[in-house]
Amino acid sequence: MTTAQSILTILIVILGTMITRFLPFLIFPEGKTPPPYITYLGTVLPYAVIGLLVVYCLKDSFGSGHYAIPEAIAILFIIVLHKWKKNTLLSIGAGTVLYMFLVQSVFH
């Protein structure tokens, strides 16, 4: 890629990012009530995305030699830790550390 192509690619990515960030505020200004389906999507999409990410992360686990044991341990740990501490970042971070420890040390 030439320098001009690199600069053009970066500018297009910046423009695309800015459009996706600013367009909702232009379409739905602060005083205007969004349509009911937009409010509904804002309520259900975060949970749907998390569910999709979990399914995507686990899709190849059951075919491996460990039968998703490290994944199941990490998921249970995340659930228990989140119910106890109610801190999403702590749950995700500690679950990731536990999972990486399990797959690199215990189930290698």
Protein backbone atom coordinates (compact mmCIF):
# COMPACT_ATOMS: atom_id res chain seq x y z
CA MET A 1 0.00 0.00 0.00
CA THR A 2 1.36 3.39 -0.93
CA THR A 3 1.44 6.33 1.44
CA ALA A 4 -1.48 8.00 -0.33
CA GLN A 5 -3.54 4.80 -0.12
CA SER A 6 -2.74 4.46 3.57
CA ILE A 7 -3.79 8.04 4.29
CA LEU A 8 -6.99 7.60 2.25
CA THR A 9 -7.81 4.37 4.11
CA ILE A 10 -7.28 6.04 7.48
CA LEU A 11 -9.47 9.00 6.47
CA ILE A 12 -12.27 6.67 5.29
CA VAL A 13 -12.13 4.74 8.56
CA ILE A 14 -12.26 8.01 10.53
CA LEU A 15 -15.23 9.21 8.47
CA GLY A 16 -17.08 5.92 8.92
CA THR A 17 -16.47 5.97 12.66
CA MET A 18 -17.61 9.57 12.99
CA ILE A 19 -20.79 8.91 10.99
CA THR A 20 -21.75 5.94 13.15
CA ARG A 21 -21.04 7.92 16.33
CA PHE A 22 -22.75 11.21 15.43
CA LEU A 23 -25.68 10.08 13.24
CA PRO A 24 -27.90 8.88 16.13
CA PHE A 25 -27.55 12.29 17.81
CA LEU A 26 -28.50 14.04 14.58
CA ILE A 27 -31.49 11.76 13.89
CA PHE A 28 -32.75 11.76 17.50
CA PRO A 29 -31.90 15.11 19.12
CA GLU A 30 -32.22 15.48 22.89
CA GLY A 31 -35.73 16.96 22.92
CA LYS A 32 -37.15 14.46 20.40
CA THR A 33 -38.54 11.13 21.64
CA PRO A 34 -37.21 8.18 19.63
CA PRO A 35 -39.71 5.76 18.06
CA PRO A 36 -40.80 2.82 20.24
CA TYR A 37 -38.87 0.26 18.16
CA ILE A 38 -35.62 2.18 18.71
CA THR A 39 -36.27 2.23 22.46
CA TYR A 40 -37.05 -1.51 22.31
CA LEU A 41 -33.83 -2.24 20.41
CA GLY A 42 -31.86 -0.20 22.93
CA THR A 43 -33.30 -2.43 25.66
CA VAL A 44 -32.82 -5.87 24.08
CA LEU A 45 -29.75 -5.54 21.87
CA PRO A 46 -27.11 -5.44 24.63
CA TYR A 47 -28.33 -8.79 25.98
CA ALA A 48 -28.57 -10.25 22.47
CA VAL A 49 -25.01 -9.17 21.68
CA ILE A 50 -23.66 -10.72 24.88
CA GLY A 51 -25.54 -13.95 24.13
CA LEU A 52 -24.15 -13.95 20.59
CA LEU A 53 -20.61 -13.44 21.90
CA VAL A 54 -20.96 -16.30 24.39
CA VAL A 55 -22.27 -18.67 21.70
CA TYR A 56 -19.53 -17.59 19.30
CA CYS A 57 -16.83 -18.13 21.92
CA LEU A 58 -18.13 -21.58 22.81
CA LYS A 59 -18.84 -22.84 19.27
CA ASP A 60 -15.61 -24.81 18.91
CA SER A 61 -15.16 -25.80 22.56
CA PHE A 62 -17.17 -29.00 22.58
CA GLY A 63 -15.15 -30.58 19.78
CA SER A 64 -11.86 -30.16 21.62
CA GLY A 65 -10.24 -32.79 23.79
CA HIS A 66 -11.26 -31.08 27.03
CA TYR A 67 -15.02 -30.97 26.25
CA ALA A 68 -15.38 -27.32 27.27
CA ILE A 69 -14.35 -27.97 30.88
CA PRO A 70 -12.12 -24.86 31.20
CA GLU A 71 -14.82 -22.74 29.55
CA ALA A 72 -17.50 -24.08 31.90
CA ILE A 73 -15.31 -23.46 34.96
CA ALA A 74 -14.57 -19.89 33.82
CA ILE A 75 -18.24 -19.18 33.04
CA LEU A 76 -19.37 -20.46 36.44
CA PHE A 77 -16.64 -18.41 38.12
CA ILE A 78 -17.75 -15.29 36.24
CA ILE A 79 -21.40 -15.82 37.20
CA VAL A 80 -20.61 -16.40 40.89
CA LEU A 81 -18.18 -13.48 41.06
CA HIS A 82 -20.63 -11.15 39.35
CA LYS A 83 -23.50 -12.17 41.62
CA TRP A 84 -21.24 -11.61 44.63
CA LYS A 85 -19.44 -8.37 43.71
CA LYS A 86 -21.80 -6.92 41.05
CA ASN A 87 -18.82 -5.52 39.14
CA THR A 88 -18.81 -6.30 35.43
CA LEU A 89 -15.18 -5.35 34.77
CA LEU A 90 -13.95 -7.38 37.73
CA SER A 91 -15.99 -10.40 36.60
CA ILE A 92 -14.75 -10.22 33.00
CA GLY A 93 -11.13 -9.58 33.98
CA ALA A 94 -10.94 -12.27 36.65
CA GLY A 95 -12.78 -14.75 34.42
CA THR A 96 -10.35 -14.10 31.60
CA VAL A 97 -7.35 -14.56 33.91
CA LEU A 98 -8.81 -17.81 35.29
CA TYR A 99 -9.59 -19.12 31.80
CA MET A 100 -6.11 -18.31 30.50
CA PHE A 101 -4.57 -19.98 33.55
CA LEU A 102 -6.69 -23.09 33.01
CA VAL A 103 -5.95 -23.48 29.29
CA GLN A 104 -2.24 -22.72 29.64
CA SER A 105 -1.45 -24.59 32.84
CA VAL A 106 -4.08 -27.15 33.76
CA PHE A 107 -5.64 -28.24 30.43
CA HIS A 108 -2.65 -27.87 28.10
